[in-house]
N, C-alpha and C. Protein backbone atom coordinates (compact mmCIF):
# COMPACT_ATOMS: atom_id res chain seq x y z
N MET A 1 0.44 -1.15 0.28
CA MET A 1 -0.11 0.53 -0.18
C MET A 1 0.91 1.04 -0.14
N VAL A 2 0.58 2.14 -0.78
CA VAL A 2 0.84 3.93 -0.32
C VAL A 2 0.41 4.49 0.26
N VAL A 3 1.43 4.91 1.44
CA VAL A 3 1.51 6.59 2.03
C VAL A 3 2.54 7.31 2.18
N GLU A 4 1.71 8.31 2.15
CA GLU A 4 1.80 9.73 1.88
C GLU A 4 1.81 10.69 3.43
N ILE A 5 2.69 10.95 3.43
CA ILE A 5 2.47 12.01 5.09
C ILE A 5 3.08 13.40 4.78
N ILE A 6 1.74 14.09 4.52
CA ILE A 6 2.30 15.43 4.89
C ILE A 6 1.81 17.03 5.69
N THR A 7 3.41 17.48 5.77
CA THR A 7 3.11 18.93 6.50
C THR A 7 2.17 19.91 6.28
N PRO A 8 2.17 21.23 7.02
CA PRO A 8 2.10 22.09 6.38
C PRO A 8 3.48 22.77 5.20
N ASP A 9 4.40 22.03 5.45
CA ASP A 9 6.01 22.72 5.23
C ASP A 9 5.75 21.92 4.30
N ALA A 10 6.03 20.70 4.39
CA ALA A 10 6.61 19.77 3.28
C ALA A 10 6.34 18.25 3.44
N LYS A 11 6.19 16.97 2.14
CA LYS A 11 6.16 16.46 2.55
C LYS A 11 6.86 15.83 3.44
N LEU A 12 6.88 14.69 4.46
CA LEU A 12 7.74 13.99 4.89
C LEU A 12 8.32 12.40 3.77
N PHE A 13 7.38 11.86 3.52
CA PHE A 13 7.17 10.81 3.51
C PHE A 13 6.19 9.55 2.03
N GLU A 14 6.98 8.97 2.26
CA GLU A 14 5.72 8.92 0.13
C GLU A 14 6.24 7.54 -0.48
N GLY A 15 5.94 6.93 0.06
CA GLY A 15 6.00 5.03 -1.13
C GLY A 15 5.95 3.98 -0.03
N GLU A 16 5.95 3.23 -0.83
CA GLU A 16 5.07 1.92 -0.18
C GLU A 16 5.47 0.84 0.47
N VAL A 17 4.57 0.52 1.40
CA VAL A 17 4.83 0.23 2.58
C VAL A 17 3.97 -1.09 3.16
N ASN A 18 4.51 -1.59 4.38
CA ASN A 18 3.46 -3.17 4.51
C ASN A 18 2.38 -2.85 5.64
N SER A 19 3.38 -1.86 7.29
CA SER A 19 2.19 -0.78 7.76
C SER A 19 2.43 -0.38 8.45
N ILE A 20 1.75 -0.01 9.03
CA ILE A 20 1.86 1.98 9.65
C ILE A 20 1.18 1.93 10.80
N LYS A 21 1.54 2.23 11.93
CA LYS A 21 1.19 2.52 13.37
C LYS A 21 0.79 4.25 13.27
N LEU A 22 -0.03 4.22 14.45
CA LEU A 22 -0.25 6.34 14.08
C LEU A 22 -1.19 6.05 15.87
N PRO A 23 -0.32 7.63 16.24
CA PRO A 23 -1.00 7.27 17.47
C PRO A 23 -2.81 7.83 17.46
N GLY A 24 -3.95 7.37 16.81
CA GLY A 24 -5.29 7.48 17.04
C GLY A 24 -5.34 8.93 18.48
N THR A 25 -6.78 9.39 17.98
CA THR A 25 -6.78 10.34 19.30
C THR A 25 -7.62 9.68 20.19
N ASN A 26 -8.35 7.86 19.63
CA ASN A 26 -9.18 7.24 20.79
C ASN A 26 -7.96 6.26 21.46
N GLY A 27 -6.46 6.59 20.68
CA GLY A 27 -5.85 4.62 20.92
C GLY A 27 -4.96 5.14 19.61
N GLY A 28 -3.27 4.01 19.94
CA GLY A 28 -2.91 4.50 18.65
C GLY A 28 -3.48 2.76 18.25
N PHE A 29 -3.82 2.83 16.37
CA PHE A 29 -3.39 1.78 16.10
C PHE A 29 -3.75 1.43 15.16
N GLU A 30 -3.48 0.21 14.48
CA GLU A 30 -2.11 -0.40 12.93
C GLU A 30 -3.20 -0.18 11.82
N ILE A 31 -2.44 -0.02 10.61
CA ILE A 31 -3.12 -0.13 9.36
C ILE A 31 -2.28 -1.44 8.30
N LEU A 32 -2.50 -2.59 7.39
CA LEU A 32 -1.99 -2.92 6.89
C LEU A 32 -2.49 -2.81 5.68
N ASN A 33 -1.78 -3.81 4.97
CA ASN A 33 -2.55 -3.85 3.36
C ASN A 33 -3.74 -4.27 3.48
N ASN A 34 -4.58 -4.17 2.29
CA ASN A 34 -6.41 -4.52 1.96
C ASN A 34 -6.85 -4.08 3.27
N HIS A 35 -7.32 -2.55 4.24
CA HIS A 35 -7.21 -2.76 5.58
C HIS A 35 -8.70 -1.89 4.86
N ALA A 36 -10.26 -1.91 5.33
CA ALA A 36 -11.07 -0.96 4.96
C ALA A 36 -10.98 0.18 5.31
N PRO A 37 -11.64 0.97 4.48
CA PRO A 37 -11.55 2.61 4.53
C PRO A 37 -11.90 3.20 5.83
N ILE A 38 -11.10 3.83 5.72
CA ILE A 38 -10.85 4.75 7.57
C ILE A 38 -10.53 6.10 7.36
N ILE A 39 -11.05 6.94 7.91
CA ILE A 39 -11.19 8.65 8.48
C ILE A 39 -10.24 8.17 9.23
N SER A 40 -9.92 9.27 10.11
CA SER A 40 -9.24 8.74 11.84
C SER A 40 -8.72 10.59 12.16
N THR A 41 -8.77 11.05 13.28
CA THR A 41 -8.15 11.81 14.35
C THR A 41 -7.37 11.56 14.80
N LEU A 42 -5.73 12.19 14.53
CA LEU A 42 -4.90 11.72 15.04
C LEU A 42 -4.60 12.89 15.75
N THR A 43 -3.56 12.43 16.96
CA THR A 43 -3.04 12.70 18.43
C THR A 43 -1.67 13.18 18.70
N ALA A 44 -1.02 14.30 19.08
CA ALA A 44 0.50 14.14 19.23
C ALA A 44 1.25 12.04 19.51
N GLY A 45 2.19 12.24 19.02
CA GLY A 45 2.61 10.44 18.53
C GLY A 45 3.90 11.07 17.85
N LYS A 46 3.98 9.57 17.37
CA LYS A 46 5.10 8.65 16.81
C LYS A 46 3.41 7.86 15.80
N ILE A 47 4.95 7.54 14.22
CA ILE A 47 4.03 7.60 13.23
C ILE A 47 5.18 6.85 13.03
N SER A 48 4.80 5.04 13.28
CA SER A 48 6.18 4.14 12.46
C SER A 48 5.62 3.88 11.51
N ILE A 49 6.83 3.23 10.95
CA ILE A 49 6.43 3.29 8.85
C ILE A 49 7.37 2.29 9.07
N ASP A 50 6.63 0.30 9.03
CA ASP A 50 7.83 -0.96 8.23
C ASP A 50 7.36 -0.60 6.37
N SER A 51 8.29 -0.55 5.63
CA SER A 51 7.98 -0.10 4.82
C SER A 51 8.85 -1.44 3.63
N ASP A 52 8.31 -1.32 2.84
CA ASP A 52 8.30 -2.91 2.21
C ASP A 52 9.81 -3.17 1.84
N ASN A 53 11.31 -2.26 1.60
CA ASN A 53 12.01 -2.81 1.14
C ASN A 53 12.69 -3.35 3.08
N GLY A 54 12.10 -3.75 4.28
CA GLY A 54 12.49 -3.81 5.00
C GLY A 54 12.70 -2.80 6.26
N GLN A 55 13.09 -1.44 5.56
CA GLN A 55 13.45 -0.57 6.50
C GLN A 55 12.33 0.16 7.38
N LYS A 56 12.43 1.01 8.47
CA LYS A 56 11.96 0.83 9.35
C LYS A 56 11.74 2.35 9.66
N GLU A 57 10.72 3.44 9.51
CA GLU A 57 10.96 4.74 10.41
C GLU A 57 10.22 5.44 10.55
N SER A 58 10.40 6.29 11.24
CA SER A 58 9.21 7.26 12.62
C SER A 58 9.72 8.69 12.30
N PHE A 59 7.91 9.58 12.53
CA PHE A 59 8.61 10.56 12.95
C PHE A 59 7.19 10.96 13.67
N GLU A 60 7.70 11.81 15.23
CA GLU A 60 7.10 12.15 15.33
C GLU A 60 6.23 14.10 15.05
N ILE A 61 4.25 13.57 15.49
CA ILE A 61 3.57 14.69 15.20
C ILE A 61 3.52 14.81 16.04
N GLN A 62 2.85 16.29 16.02
CA GLN A 62 0.92 16.97 16.73
C GLN A 62 0.41 16.40 17.10
N GLY A 63 -0.66 16.51 15.81
CA GLY A 63 -1.43 15.77 16.02
C GLY A 63 -1.70 16.57 14.31
N GLY A 64 -2.84 15.83 13.50
CA GLY A 64 -3.69 15.36 12.48
C GLY A 64 -4.92 14.63 11.94
N VAL A 65 -4.51 13.97 10.93
CA VAL A 65 -5.89 13.20 10.37
C VAL A 65 -5.43 12.14 8.87
N ILE A 66 -6.28 11.44 9.46
CA ILE A 66 -5.89 10.34 8.47
C ILE A 66 -6.46 9.27 7.66
N GLU A 67 -6.61 9.56 5.51
CA GLU A 67 -7.79 8.88 5.24
C GLU A 67 -7.50 7.65 4.38
N MET A 68 -7.74 6.61 4.99
CA MET A 68 -7.43 5.09 3.89
C MET A 68 -7.95 5.04 2.87
N GLN A 69 -7.86 4.87 2.17
CA GLN A 69 -9.25 4.78 0.29
C GLN A 69 -7.81 3.91 -0.63
N ASN A 70 -8.92 2.56 -1.45
CA ASN A 70 -8.25 1.47 -2.51
C ASN A 70 -6.29 1.65 -1.54
N ASN A 71 -6.20 0.93 -0.35
CA ASN A 71 -4.72 0.96 -0.34
C ASN A 71 -3.93 2.27 -0.54
N LYS A 72 -4.27 3.14 -0.20
CA LYS A 72 -3.13 4.38 -0.44
C LYS A 72 -3.97 5.83 0.86
N ILE A 73 -2.97 5.54 1.69
CA ILE A 73 -2.98 5.88 3.10
C ILE A 73 -2.06 7.73 2.56
N ILE A 74 -3.27 8.52 3.31
CA ILE A 74 -3.34 10.16 3.52
C ILE A 74 -2.57 10.54 4.45
N VAL A 75 -2.54 10.92 5.15
CA VAL A 75 -1.91 11.36 6.65
C VAL A 75 -1.50 13.20 6.76
N LEU A 76 -2.29 13.58 7.11
CA LEU A 76 -2.01 15.07 6.81
C LEU A 76 -1.85 15.56 8.82
N ALA A 77 -0.22 16.30 9.40
CA ALA A 77 0.34 16.36 10.25
C ALA A 77 0.29 16.89 10.08
N ASP A 78 0.70 17.93 12.11
CA ASP A 78 1.25 19.22 11.79
C ASP A 78 2.36 18.49 13.13
C-alpha cells in the first residue's frame, strides 16, 4: 500500500509500506494492506512505518488526520 505523510511545510514521506502505526485520538492503531476504508483524527505521538524494503522509519507529529482508501493512506500532520 502507498503512504503519503504531508505537513504544512513539506512532504515527510511517500512510498510503499507493509504497515503503519498511528497515534489515534482514541488510542493507537495499525493499518495493514487491504484495510477497510477509514478516516480518523490523530493526536500527538509517533507514526511508525515498516517499509516494503525492510526499513523502519518513524515521525513525531503533534496531531492530524488520516484517510485510508483503496490501499492508499494520506496523513495530514501538524
